[in-house]
Structure formats: structure tokens, C-alpha cells
Amino acid sequence: AGLLCPDAGNIYIDNNMVFGANGTKKINLKPSERKIGYVFQTN
């Protein structure tokens, strides 16, 4: 969801990288830019 920053690895949503490294470019989209619905354990 983008609420925690991984230490390593890549995340793709709908074939778009939302976190990771694309060549020398580092990508970390904001939660609002990932277009994800999220229901937390505590509302």
C-alpha cells in the first residue's frame, strides 16, 4: 500500500512499478498514487 518502505525488492501493480529500481531511477509512489483500497485490522 505504500505505508511502509521496503528495504529491498520491487512491487508492481497493474504492470506499473510502484516501488523499486528502474535502472538508476528509484521509484516509491505515494499511497494515494497506487489506487489501492485498504481495510485495516483496526478501522
PDB file of all heavy atoms in Angstrom:
ATOM      1  N   ALA A   1       0.812  -1.224   0.000  1.00  0.00           N
ATOM      2  CA  ALA A   1       0.000   0.000   0.000  1.00  0.00           C
ATOM      3  C   ALA A   1       0.842   1.270   0.000  1.00  0.00           C
ATOM      4  O   ALA A   1       0.331   2.357  -0.268  1.00  0.00           O
ATOM      5  CB  ALA A   1      -0.923  -0.003   1.213  1.00  0.00           C
ATOM      6  N   GLY A   2       2.128   1.154   0.324  1.00  0.00           N
ATOM      7  CA  GLY A   2       2.992   2.330   0.365  1.00  0.00           C
ATOM      8  C   GLY A   2       3.080   2.981   1.724  1.00  0.00           C
ATOM      9  O   GLY A   2       3.624   4.083   1.865  1.00  0.00           O
ATOM     10  N   LEU A   3       2.583   2.305   2.747  1.00  0.00           N
ATOM     11  CA  LEU A   3       2.634   2.851   4.106  1.00  0.00           C
ATOM     12  C   LEU A   3       3.950   2.527   4.797  1.00  0.00           C
ATOM     13  O   LEU A   3       4.298   3.164   5.792  1.00  0.00           O
ATOM     14  CB  LEU A   3       1.458   2.314   4.930  1.00  0.00           C
ATOM     15  CG  LEU A   3       0.061   2.601   4.352  1.00  0.00           C
ATOM     16  CD1 LEU A   3      -1.012   1.944   5.202  1.00  0.00           C
ATOM     17  CD2 LEU A   3      -0.174   4.102   4.257  1.00  0.00           C
ATOM     18  N   LEU A   4       4.641   1.513   4.302  1.00  0.00           N
ATOM     19  CA  LEU A   4       5.970   1.153   4.790  1.00  0.00           C
ATOM     20  C   LEU A   4       6.917   1.086   3.600  1.00  0.00           C
ATOM     21  O   LEU A   4       6.543   0.596   2.530  1.00  0.00           O
ATOM     22  CB  LEU A   4       5.942  -0.219   5.480  1.00  0.00           C
ATOM     23  CG  LEU A   4       5.686  -0.302   6.974  1.00  0.00           C
ATOM     24  CD1 LEU A   4       5.702  -1.765   7.403  1.00  0.00           C
ATOM     25  CD2 LEU A   4       6.675   0.503   7.788  1.00  0.00           C
ATOM     26  N   CYS A   5       8.136   1.539   3.794  1.00  0.00           N
ATOM     27  CA  CYS A   5       9.126   1.493   2.715  1.00  0.00           C
ATOM     28  C   CYS A   5       9.965   0.223   2.848  1.00  0.00           C
ATOM     29  O   CYS A   5      10.636   0.025   3.867  1.00  0.00           O
ATOM     30  CB  CYS A   5      10.027   2.725   2.785  1.00  0.00           C
ATOM     31  SG  CYS A   5      11.233   2.798   1.439  1.00  0.00           S
ATOM     32  N   PRO A   6       9.935  -0.662   1.862  1.00  0.00           N
ATOM     33  CA  PRO A   6      10.755  -1.875   1.926  1.00  0.00           C
ATOM     34  C   PRO A   6      12.246  -1.536   1.957  1.00  0.00           C
ATOM     35  O   PRO A   6      12.668  -0.470   1.499  1.00  0.00           O
ATOM     36  CB  PRO A   6      10.389  -2.621   0.636  1.00  0.00           C
ATOM     37  CG  PRO A   6       9.074  -2.037   0.212  1.00  0.00           C
ATOM     38  CD  PRO A   6       9.107  -0.609   0.649  1.00  0.00           C
ATOM     39  N   ASP A   7      13.043  -2.452   2.463  1.00  0.00           N
ATOM     40  CA  ASP A   7      14.499  -2.293   2.428  1.00  0.00           C
ATOM     41  C   ASP A   7      15.063  -2.729   1.085  1.00  0.00           C
ATOM     42  O   ASP A   7      16.133  -2.267   0.670  1.00  0.00           O
ATOM     43  CB  ASP A   7      15.144  -3.122   3.550  1.00  0.00           C
ATOM     44  CG  ASP A   7      14.719  -2.643   4.927  1.00  0.00           C
ATOM     45  OD1 ASP A   7      14.447  -1.438   5.085  1.00  0.00           O
ATOM     46  OD2 ASP A   7      14.646  -3.484   5.848  1.00  0.00           O
ATOM     47  N   ALA A   8      14.350  -3.636   0.423  1.00  0.00           N
ATOM     48  CA  ALA A   8      14.816  -4.134  -0.884  1.00  0.00           C
ATOM     49  C   ALA A   8      13.640  -4.773  -1.600  1.00  0.00           C
ATOM     50  O   ALA A   8      12.641  -5.151  -0.993  1.00  0.00           O
ATOM     51  CB  ALA A   8      15.943  -5.147  -0.699  1.00  0.00           C
ATOM     52  N   GLY A   9      13.772  -4.894  -2.923  1.00  0.00           N
ATOM     53  CA  GLY A   9      12.751  -5.572  -3.712  1.00  0.00           C
ATOM     54  C   GLY A   9      11.975  -4.631  -4.615  1.00  0.00           C
ATOM     55  O   GLY A   9      12.199  -3.412  -4.611  1.00  0.00           O
ATOM     56  N   ASN A  10      11.071  -5.205  -5.389  1.00  0.00           N
ATOM     57  CA  ASN A  10      10.239  -4.452  -6.323  1.00  0.00           C
ATOM     58  C   ASN A  10       8.775  -4.803  -6.124  1.00  0.00           C
ATOM     59  O   ASN A  10       8.439  -5.961  -5.805  1.00  0.00           O
ATOM     60  CB  ASN A  10      10.621  -4.760  -7.775  1.00  0.00           C
ATOM     61  CG  ASN A  10      12.064  -4.432  -8.082  1.00  0.00           C
ATOM     62  OD1 ASN A  10      12.579  -3.395  -7.671  1.00  0.00           O
ATOM     63  ND2 ASN A  10      12.732  -5.324  -8.814  1.00  0.00           N
ATOM     64  N   ILE A  11       7.890  -3.814  -6.337  1.00  0.00           N
ATOM     65  CA  ILE A  11       6.450  -4.031  -6.281  1.00  0.00           C
ATOM     66  C   ILE A  11       5.834  -3.443  -7.541  1.00  0.00           C
ATOM     67  O   ILE A  11       6.086  -2.277  -7.887  1.00  0.00           O
ATOM     68  CB  ILE A  11       5.810  -3.366  -5.040  1.00  0.00           C
ATOM     69  CG1 ILE A  11       6.443  -3.876  -3.751  1.00  0.00           C
ATOM     70  CG2 ILE A  11       4.297  -3.616  -5.025  1.00  0.00           C
ATOM     71  CD1 ILE A  11       5.973  -3.136  -2.506  1.00  0.00           C
ATOM     72  N   TYR A  12       5.030  -4.268  -8.234  1.00  0.00           N
ATOM     73  CA  TYR A  12       4.316  -3.806  -9.426  1.00  0.00           C
ATOM     74  C   TYR A  12       2.819  -3.957  -9.197  1.00  0.00           C
ATOM     75  O   TYR A  12       2.362  -4.956  -8.633  1.00  0.00           O
ATOM     76  CB  TYR A  12       4.692  -4.650 -10.646  1.00  0.00           C
ATOM     77  CG  TYR A  12       6.146  -4.613 -11.029  1.00  0.00           C
ATOM     78  CD1 TYR A  12       7.072  -5.471 -10.414  1.00  0.00           C
ATOM     79  CD2 TYR A  12       6.615  -3.747 -12.013  1.00  0.00           C
ATOM     80  CE1 TYR A  12       8.406  -5.458 -10.766  1.00  0.00           C
ATOM     81  CE2 TYR A  12       7.960  -3.725 -12.379  1.00  0.00           C
ATOM     82  CZ  TYR A  12       8.848  -4.583 -11.746  1.00  0.00           C
ATOM     83  OH  TYR A  12      10.181  -4.574 -12.093  1.00  0.00           O
ATOM     84  N   ILE A  13       2.061  -2.972  -9.643  1.00  0.00           N
ATOM     85  CA  ILE A  13       0.608  -3.045  -9.624  1.00  0.00           C
ATOM     86  C   ILE A  13       0.105  -2.715 -11.020  1.00  0.00           C
ATOM     87  O   ILE A  13       0.407  -1.642 -11.560  1.00  0.00           O
ATOM     88  CB  ILE A  13      -0.005  -2.083  -8.581  1.00  0.00           C
ATOM     89  CG1 ILE A  13       0.444  -2.502  -7.170  1.00  0.00           C
ATOM     90  CG2 ILE A  13      -1.535  -2.079  -8.675  1.00  0.00           C
ATOM     91  CD1 ILE A  13      -0.003  -1.567  -6.074  1.00  0.00           C
ATOM     92  N   ASP A  14      -0.622  -3.652 -11.603  1.00  0.00           N
ATOM     93  CA  ASP A  14      -1.132  -3.499 -12.963  1.00  0.00           C
ATOM     94  C   ASP A  14       0.011  -3.191 -13.942  1.00  0.00           C
ATOM     95  O   ASP A  14      -0.092  -2.282 -14.791  1.00  0.00           O
ATOM     96  CB  ASP A  14      -2.194  -2.395 -13.020  1.00  0.00           C
ATOM     97  CG  ASP A  14      -3.097  -2.544 -14.240  1.00  0.00           C
ATOM     98  OD1 ASP A  14      -3.082  -3.627 -14.851  1.00  0.00           O
ATOM     99  OD2 ASP A  14      -3.798  -1.573 -14.579  1.00  0.00           O
ATOM    100  N   ASN A  15       1.093  -3.927 -13.795  1.00  0.00           N
ATOM    101  CA  ASN A  15       2.290  -3.831 -14.655  1.00  0.00           C
ATOM    102  C   ASN A  15       3.065  -2.523 -14.498  1.00  0.00           C
ATOM    103  O   ASN A  15       3.995  -2.265 -15.261  1.00  0.00           O
ATOM    104  CB  ASN A  15       1.913  -4.018 -16.129  1.00  0.00           C
ATOM    105  CG  ASN A  15       1.405  -5.421 -16.415  1.00  0.00           C
ATOM    106  OD1 ASN A  15       1.917  -6.394 -15.876  1.00  0.00           O
ATOM    107  ND2 ASN A  15       0.379  -5.519 -17.243  1.00  0.00           N
ATOM    108  N   ASN A  16       2.692  -1.717 -13.519  1.00  0.00           N
ATOM    109  CA  ASN A  16       3.409  -0.472 -13.256  1.00  0.00           C
ATOM    110  C   ASN A  16       4.213  -0.604 -11.966  1.00  0.00           C
ATOM    111  O   ASN A  16       3.665  -1.030 -10.937  1.00  0.00           O
ATOM    112  CB  ASN A  16       2.442   0.706 -13.139  1.00  0.00           C
ATOM    113  CG  ASN A  16       1.688   0.959 -14.423  1.00  0.00           C
ATOM    114  OD1 ASN A  16       2.280   0.988 -15.493  1.00  0.00           O
ATOM    115  ND2 ASN A  16       0.376   1.134 -14.318  1.00  0.00           N
ATOM    116  N   MET A  17       5.501  -0.264 -11.993  1.00  0.00           N
ATOM    117  CA  MET A  17       6.305  -0.320 -10.788  1.00  0.00           C
ATOM    118  C   MET A  17       5.881   0.795  -9.836  1.00  0.00           C
ATOM    119  O   MET A  17       5.841   1.964 -10.200  1.00  0.00           O
ATOM    120  CB  MET A  17       7.797  -0.173 -11.111  1.00  0.00           C
ATOM    121  CG  MET A  17       8.697  -0.218  -9.882  1.00  0.00           C
ATOM    122  SD  MET A  17      10.464  -0.079 -10.266  1.00  0.00           S
ATOM    123  CE  MET A  17      10.818  -1.771 -10.774  1.00  0.00           C
ATOM    124  N   VAL A  18       5.528   0.403  -8.607  1.00  0.00           N
ATOM    125  CA  VAL A  18       5.166   1.401  -7.596  1.00  0.00           C
ATOM    126  C   VAL A  18       6.259   1.539  -6.545  1.00  0.00           C
ATOM    127  O   VAL A  18       6.295   2.507  -5.793  1.00  0.00           O
ATOM    128  CB  VAL A  18       3.810   1.069  -6.929  1.00  0.00           C
ATOM    129  CG1 VAL A  18       2.692   1.071  -7.952  1.00  0.00           C
ATOM    130  CG2 VAL A  18       3.867  -0.269  -6.190  1.00  0.00           C
ATOM    131  N   PHE A  19       7.138   0.529  -6.494  1.00  0.00           N
ATOM    132  CA  PHE A  19       8.319   0.610  -5.634  1.00  0.00           C
ATOM    133  C   PHE A  19       9.427  -0.229  -6.251  1.00  0.00           C
ATOM    134  O   PHE A  19       9.192  -1.338  -6.742  1.00  0.00           O
ATOM    135  CB  PHE A  19       8.058   0.100  -4.216  1.00  0.00           C
ATOM    136  CG  PHE A  19       9.298   0.128  -3.361  1.00  0.00           C
ATOM    137  CD1 PHE A  19       9.650   1.278  -2.669  1.00  0.00           C
ATOM    138  CD2 PHE A  19      10.151  -0.969  -3.293  1.00  0.00           C
ATOM    139  CE1 PHE A  19      10.821   1.339  -1.921  1.00  0.00           C
ATOM    140  CE2 PHE A  19      11.324  -0.914  -2.539  1.00  0.00           C
ATOM    141  CZ  PHE A  19      11.654   0.239  -1.860  1.00  0.00           C
ATOM    142  N   GLY A  20      10.655   0.322  -6.208  1.00  0.00           N
ATOM    143  CA  GLY A  20      11.796  -0.439  -6.678  1.00  0.00           C
ATOM    144  C   GLY A  20      12.769   0.426  -7.451  1.00  0.00           C
ATOM    145  O   GLY A  20      12.743   1.656  -7.364  1.00  0.00           O
ATOM    146  N   ALA A  21      13.610  -0.222  -8.214  1.00  0.00           N
ATOM    147  CA  ALA A  21      14.617   0.475  -9.004  1.00  0.00           C
ATOM    148  C   ALA A  21      14.452   0.132 -10.468  1.00  0.00           C
ATOM    149  O   ALA A  21      14.422  -1.048 -10.845  1.00  0.00           O
ATOM    150  CB  ALA A  21      16.018   0.091  -8.533  1.00  0.00           C
ATOM    151  N   ASN A  22      14.300   1.154 -11.284  1.00  0.00           N
ATOM    152  CA  ASN A  22      14.213   1.002 -12.734  1.00  0.00           C
ATOM    153  C   ASN A  22      15.486   1.596 -13.337  1.00  0.00           C
ATOM    154  O   ASN A  22      15.586   2.789 -13.555  1.00  0.00           O
ATOM    155  CB  ASN A  22      12.965   1.715 -13.257  1.00  0.00           C
ATOM    156  CG  ASN A  22      12.729   1.440 -14.726  1.00  0.00           C
ATOM    157  OD1 ASN A  22      13.505   0.718 -15.364  1.00  0.00           O
ATOM    158  ND2 ASN A  22      11.659   1.998 -15.263  1.00  0.00           N
ATOM    159  N   GLY A  23      16.467   0.742 -13.525  1.00  0.00           N
ATOM    160  CA  GLY A  23      17.788   1.230 -13.913  1.00  0.00           C
ATOM    161  C   GLY A  23      18.397   1.978 -12.744  1.00  0.00           C
ATOM    162  O   GLY A  23      18.506   1.449 -11.638  1.00  0.00           O
ATOM    163  N   THR A  24      18.777   3.210 -12.964  1.00  0.00           N
ATOM    164  CA  THR A  24      19.342   4.031 -11.876  1.00  0.00           C
ATOM    165  C   THR A  24      18.264   4.833 -11.165  1.00  0.00           C
ATOM    166  O   THR A  24      18.542   5.495 -10.167  1.00  0.00           O
ATOM    167  CB  THR A  24      20.397   4.999 -12.446  1.00  0.00           C
ATOM    168  OG1 THR A  24      19.790   5.830 -13.444  1.00  0.00           O
ATOM    169  CG2 THR A  24      21.556   4.230 -13.060  1.00  0.00           C
ATOM    170  N   LYS A  25      17.040   4.754 -11.679  1.00  0.00           N
ATOM    171  CA  LYS A  25      15.941   5.534 -11.109  1.00  0.00           C
ATOM    172  C   LYS A  25      15.236   4.749 -10.011  1.00  0.00           C
ATOM    173  O   LYS A  25      14.831   3.603 -10.215  1.00  0.00           O
ATOM    174  CB  LYS A  25      14.939   5.910 -12.198  1.00  0.00           C
ATOM    175  CG  LYS A  25      13.806   6.795 -11.728  1.00  0.00           C
ATOM    176  CD  LYS A  25      12.862   7.121 -12.880  1.00  0.00           C
ATOM    177  CE  LYS A  25      11.703   7.996 -12.394  1.00  0.00           C
ATOM    178  NZ  LYS A  25      10.752   8.288 -13.496  1.00  0.00           N
ATOM    179  N   LYS A  26      15.095   5.346  -8.831  1.00  0.00           N
ATOM    180  CA  LYS A  26      14.381   4.716  -7.730  1.00  0.00           C
ATOM    181  C   LYS A  26      12.944   5.222  -7.699  1.00  0.00           C
ATOM    182  O   LYS A  26      12.695   6.420  -7.819  1.00  0.00           O
ATOM    183  CB  LYS A  26      15.080   4.998  -6.399  1.00  0.00           C
ATOM    184  CG  LYS A  26      16.439   4.317  -6.281  1.00  0.00           C
ATOM    185  CD  LYS A  26      17.040   4.500  -4.903  1.00  0.00           C
ATOM    186  CE  LYS A  26      18.368   3.753  -4.783  1.00  0.00           C
ATOM    187  NZ  LYS A  26      18.975   3.907  -3.434  1.00  0.00           N
ATOM    188  N   ILE A  27      12.024   4.296  -7.529  1.00  0.00           N
ATOM    189  CA  ILE A  27      10.593   4.623  -7.564  1.00  0.00           C
ATOM    190  C   ILE A  27       9.943   4.240  -6.245  1.00  0.00           C
ATOM    191  O   ILE A  27      10.170   3.145  -5.717  1.00  0.00           O
ATOM    192  CB  ILE A  27       9.902   3.879  -8.724  1.00  0.00           C
ATOM    193  CG1 ILE A  27      10.466   4.360 -10.063  1.00  0.00           C
ATOM    194  CG2 ILE A  27       8.385   4.066  -8.679  1.00  0.00           C
ATOM    195  CD1 ILE A  27       9.980   3.558 -11.249  1.00  0.00           C
ATOM    196  N   ASN A  28       9.129   5.139  -5.704  1.00  0.00           N
ATOM    197  CA  ASN A  28       8.362   4.865  -4.488  1.00  0.00           C
ATOM    198  C   ASN A  28       7.118   5.751  -4.514  1.00  0.00           C
ATOM    199  O   ASN A  28       7.102   6.843  -3.967  1.00  0.00           O
ATOM    200  CB  ASN A  28       9.192   5.139  -3.238  1.00  0.00           C
ATOM    201  CG  ASN A  28       8.478   4.698  -1.966  1.00  0.00           C
ATOM    202  OD1 ASN A  28       7.450   4.015  -2.025  1.00  0.00           O
ATOM    203  ND2 ASN A  28       8.997   5.099  -0.811  1.00  0.00           N
ATOM    204  N   LEU A  29       6.060   5.259  -5.179  1.00  0.00           N
ATOM    205  CA  LEU A  29       4.847   6.048  -5.312  1.00  0.00           C
ATOM    206  C   LEU A  29       4.147   6.220  -3.967  1.00  0.00           C
ATOM    207  O   LEU A  29       4.163   5.322  -3.121  1.00  0.00           O
ATOM    208  CB  LEU A  29       3.877   5.373  -6.285  1.00  0.00           C
ATOM    209  CG  LEU A  29       4.300   5.253  -7.754  1.00  0.00           C
ATOM    210  CD1 LEU A  29       3.134   4.738  -8.586  1.00  0.00           C
ATOM    211  CD2 LEU A  29       4.807   6.571  -8.297  1.00  0.00           C
ATOM    212  N   LYS A  30       3.510   7.369  -3.786  1.00  0.00           N
ATOM    213  CA  LYS A  30       2.735   7.634  -2.577  1.00  0.00           C
ATOM    214  C   LYS A  30       1.529   6.692  -2.531  1.00  0.00           C
ATOM    215  O   LYS A  30       1.040   6.234  -3.566  1.00  0.00           O
ATOM    216  CB  LYS A  30       2.257   9.089  -2.580  1.00  0.00           C
ATOM    217  CG  LYS A  30       3.368  10.118  -2.540  1.00  0.00           C
ATOM    218  CD  LYS A  30       2.782  11.517  -2.628  1.00  0.00           C
ATOM    219  CE  LYS A  30       3.883  12.582  -2.640  1.00  0.00           C
ATOM    220  NZ  LYS A  30       3.322  13.946  -2.774  1.00  0.00           N
ATOM    221  N   PRO A  31       1.023   6.427  -1.318  1.00  0.00           N
ATOM    222  CA  PRO A  31      -0.162   5.552  -1.215  1.00  0.00           C
ATOM    223  C   PRO A  31      -1.319   6.014  -2.091  1.00  0.00           C
ATOM    224  O   PRO A  31      -1.986   5.194  -2.729  1.00  0.00           O
ATOM    225  CB  PRO A  31      -0.512   5.642   0.276  1.00  0.00           C
ATOM    226  CG  PRO A  31       0.789   5.911   0.947  1.00  0.00           C
ATOM    227  CD  PRO A  31       1.540   6.806   0.004  1.00  0.00           C
ATOM    228  N   SER A  32      -1.552   7.318  -2.145  1.00  0.00           N
ATOM    229  CA  SER A  32      -2.673   7.850  -2.928  1.00  0.00           C
ATOM    230  C   SER A  32      -2.495   7.635  -4.429  1.00  0.00           C
ATOM    231  O   SER A  32      -3.459   7.649  -5.187  1.00  0.00           O
ATOM    232  CB  SER A  32      -2.845   9.343  -2.651  1.00  0.00           C
ATOM    233  OG  SER A  32      -1.659  10.060  -2.979  1.00  0.00           O
ATOM    234  N   GLU A  33      -1.252   7.433  -4.864  1.00  0.00           N
ATOM    235  CA  GLU A  33      -0.978   7.241  -6.288  1.00  0.00           C
ATOM    236  C   GLU A  33      -1.056   5.775  -6.714  1.00  0.00           C
ATOM    237  O   GLU A  33      -0.996   5.468  -7.905  1.00  0.00           O
ATOM    238  CB  GLU A  33       0.419   7.790  -6.614  1.00  0.00           C
ATOM    239  CG  GLU A  33       0.557   9.304  -6.389  1.00  0.00           C
ATOM    240  CD  GLU A  33       1.981   9.782  -6.568  1.00  0.00           C
ATOM    241  OE1 GLU A  33       2.908   8.989  -6.286  1.00  0.00           O
ATOM    242  OE2 GLU A  33       2.173  10.935  -6.971  1.00  0.00           O
ATOM    243  N   ARG A  34      -1.203   4.893  -5.750  1.00  0.00           N
ATOM    244  CA  ARG A  34      -1.215   3.458  -6.071  1.00  0.00           C
ATOM    245  C   ARG A  34      -2.616   2.938  -6.371  1.00  0.00           C
ATOM    246  O   ARG A  34      -2.775   1.811  -6.827  1.00  0.00           O
ATOM    247  CB  ARG A  34      -0.578   2.658  -4.934  1.00  0.00           C
ATOM    248  CG  ARG A  34       0.857   3.083  -4.664  1.00  0.00           C
ATOM    249  CD  ARG A  34       1.590   2.150  -3.737  1.00  0.00           C
ATOM    250  NE  ARG A  34       2.929   2.660  -3.440  1.00  0.00           N
ATOM    251  CZ  ARG A  34       3.914   1.958  -2.899  1.00  0.00           C
ATOM    252  NH1 ARG A  34       3.716   0.680  -2.581  1.00  0.00           N
ATOM    253  NH2 ARG A  34       5.091   2.503  -2.669  1.00  0.00           N
ATOM    254  N   LYS A  35      -3.638   3.735  -6.061  1.00  0.00           N
ATOM    255  CA  LYS A  35      -5.035   3.398  -6.377  1.00  0.00           C
ATOM    256  C   LYS A  35      -5.434   2.040  -5.799  1.00  0.00           C
ATOM    257  O   LYS A  35      -5.923   1.151  -6.504  1.00  0.00           O
ATOM    258  CB  LYS A  35      -5.244   3.440  -7.892  1.00  0.00           C
ATOM    259  CG  LYS A  35      -4.998   4.818  -8.497  1.00  0.00           C
ATOM    260  CD  LYS A  35      -5.183   4.817  -9.994  1.00  0.00           C
ATOM    261  CE  LYS A  35      -4.913   6.210 -10.561  1.00  0.00           C
ATOM    262  NZ  LYS A  35      -5.066   6.260 -12.039  1.00  0.00           N
ATOM    263  N   ILE A  36      -5.182   1.911  -4.508  1.00  0.00           N
ATOM    264  CA  ILE A  36      -5.467   0.669  -3.788  1.00  0.00           C
ATOM    265  C   ILE A  36      -6.499   0.944  -2.690  1.00  0.00           C
ATOM    266  O   ILE A  36      -6.414   1.953  -1.993  1.00  0.00           O
ATOM    267  CB  ILE A  36      -4.191   0.098  -3.140  1.00  0.00           C
ATOM    268  CG1 ILE A  36      -3.232  -0.416  -4.212  1.00  0.00           C
ATOM    269  CG2 ILE A  36      -4.509  -1.021  -2.163  1.00  0.00           C
ATOM    270  CD1 ILE A  36      -1.909  -0.888  -3.655  1.00  0.00           C
ATOM    271  N   GLY A  37      -7.460   0.036  -2.554  1.00  0.00           N
ATOM    272  CA  GLY A  37      -8.349   0.078  -1.400  1.00  0.00           C
ATOM    273  C   GLY A  37      -7.726  -0.730  -0.278  1.00  0.00           C
ATOM    274  O   GLY A  37      -7.105  -1.773  -0.524  1.00  0.00           O
ATOM    275  N   TYR A  38      -7.849  -0.256   0.963  1.00  0.00           N
ATOM    276  CA  TYR A  38      -7.195  -0.930   2.092  1.00  0.00           C
ATOM    277  C   TYR A  38      -8.119  -0.882   3.300  1.00  0.00           C
ATOM    278  O   TYR A  38      -8.539   0.192   3.731  1.00  0.00           O
ATOM    279  CB  TYR A  38      -5.869  -0.229   2.401  1.00  0.00           C
ATOM    280  CG  TYR A  38      -4.900  -0.985   3.306  1.00  0.00           C
ATOM    281  CD1 TYR A  38      -3.591  -0.551   3.461  1.00  0.00           C
ATOM    282  CD2 TYR A  38      -5.287  -2.121   4.013  1.00  0.00           C
ATOM    283  CE1 TYR A  38      -2.689  -1.222   4.279  1.00  0.00           C
ATOM    284  CE2 TYR A  38      -4.403  -2.802   4.825  1.00  0.00           C
ATOM    285  CZ  TYR A  38      -3.102  -2.349   4.967  1.00  0.00           C
ATOM    286  OH  TYR A  38      -2.222  -3.023   5.776  1.00  0.00           O
ATOM    287  N   VAL A  39      -8.432  -2.044   3.835  1.00  0.00           N
ATOM    288  CA  VAL A  39      -9.184  -2.129   5.088  1.00  0.00           C
ATOM    289  C   VAL A  39      -8.225  -2.632   6.157  1.00  0.00           C
ATOM    290  O   VAL A  39      -7.721  -3.752   6.085  1.00  0.00           O
ATOM    291  CB  VAL A  39     -10.385  -3.090   4.977  1.00  0.00           C
ATOM    292  CG1 VAL A  39     -11.103  -3.203   6.314  1.00  0.00           C
ATOM    293  CG2 VAL A  39     -11.356  -2.580   3.912  1.00  0.00           C
ATOM    294  N   PHE A  40      -7.969  -1.793   7.142  1.00  0.00           N
ATOM    295  CA  PHE A  40      -7.016  -2.115   8.201  1.00  0.00           C
ATOM    296  C   PHE A  40      -7.642  -3.054   9.226  1.00  0.00           C
ATOM    297  O   PHE A  40      -8.864  -3.173   9.335  1.00  0.00           O
ATOM    298  CB  PHE A  40      -6.544  -0.842   8.911  1.00  0.00           C
ATOM    299  CG  PHE A  40      -5.789   0.110   8.027  1.00  0.00           C
ATOM    300  CD1 PHE A  40      -6.466   1.071   7.283  1.00  0.00           C
ATOM    301  CD2 PHE A  40      -4.409   0.049   7.926  1.00  0.00           C
ATOM    302  CE1 PHE A  40      -5.780   1.948   6.468  1.00  0.00           C
ATOM    303  CE2 PHE A  40      -3.716   0.924   7.113  1.00  0.00           C
ATOM    304  CZ  PHE A  40      -4.401   1.876   6.389  1.00  0.00           C
ATOM    305  N   GLN A  41      -6.772  -3.685  10.008  1.00  0.00           N
ATOM    306  CA  GLN A  41      -7.226  -4.564  11.078  1.00  0.00           C
ATOM    307  C   GLN A  41      -8.034  -3.768  12.099  1.00  0.00           C
ATOM    308  O   GLN A  41      -9.021  -4.240  12.644  1.00  0.00           O
ATOM    309  CB  GLN A  41      -6.018  -5.227  11.756  1.00  0.00           C
ATOM    310  CG  GLN A  41      -6.366  -6.481  12.509  1.00  0.00           C
ATOM    311  CD  GLN A  41      -5.132  -7.279  12.857  1.00  0.00           C
ATOM    312  OE1 GLN A  41      -4.008  -6.907  12.546  1.00  0.00           O
ATOM    313  NE2 GLN A  41      -5.326  -8.397  13.511  1.00  0.00           N
ATOM    314  N   THR A  42      -7.607  -2.550  12.357  1.00  0.00           N
ATOM    315  CA  THR A  42      -8.387  -1.617  13.173  1.00  0.00           C
ATOM    316  C   THR A  42      -8.894  -0.543  12.226  1.00  0.00           C
ATOM    317  O   THR A  42      -8.140   0.001  11.421  1.00  0.00           O
ATOM    318  CB  THR A  42      -7.521  -0.971  14.262  1.00  0.00           C
ATOM    319  OG1 THR A  42      -6.378  -0.338  13.655  1.00  0.00           O
ATOM    320  CG2 THR A  42      -7.041  -2.017  15.249  1.00  0.00           C
ATOM    321  N   ASN A  43     -10.180  -0.255  12.294  1.00  0.00           N
ATOM    322  CA  ASN A  43     -10.756   0.664  11.311  1.00  0.00           C
ATOM    323  C   ASN A  43     -10.161   2.062  11.470  1.00  0.00           C
ATOM    324  O   ASN A  43      -9.716   2.449  12.549  1.00  0.00           O
ATOM    325  CB  ASN A  43     -12.283   0.700  11.450  1.00  0.00           C
ATOM    326  CG  ASN A  43     -12.744   1.549  12.618  1.00  0.00           C
ATOM    327  OD1 ASN A  43     -12.743   2.784  12.540  1.00  0.00           O
ATOM    328  ND2 ASN A  43     -13.147   0.895  13.705  1.00  0.00           N
TER     329      ASN A  43
END
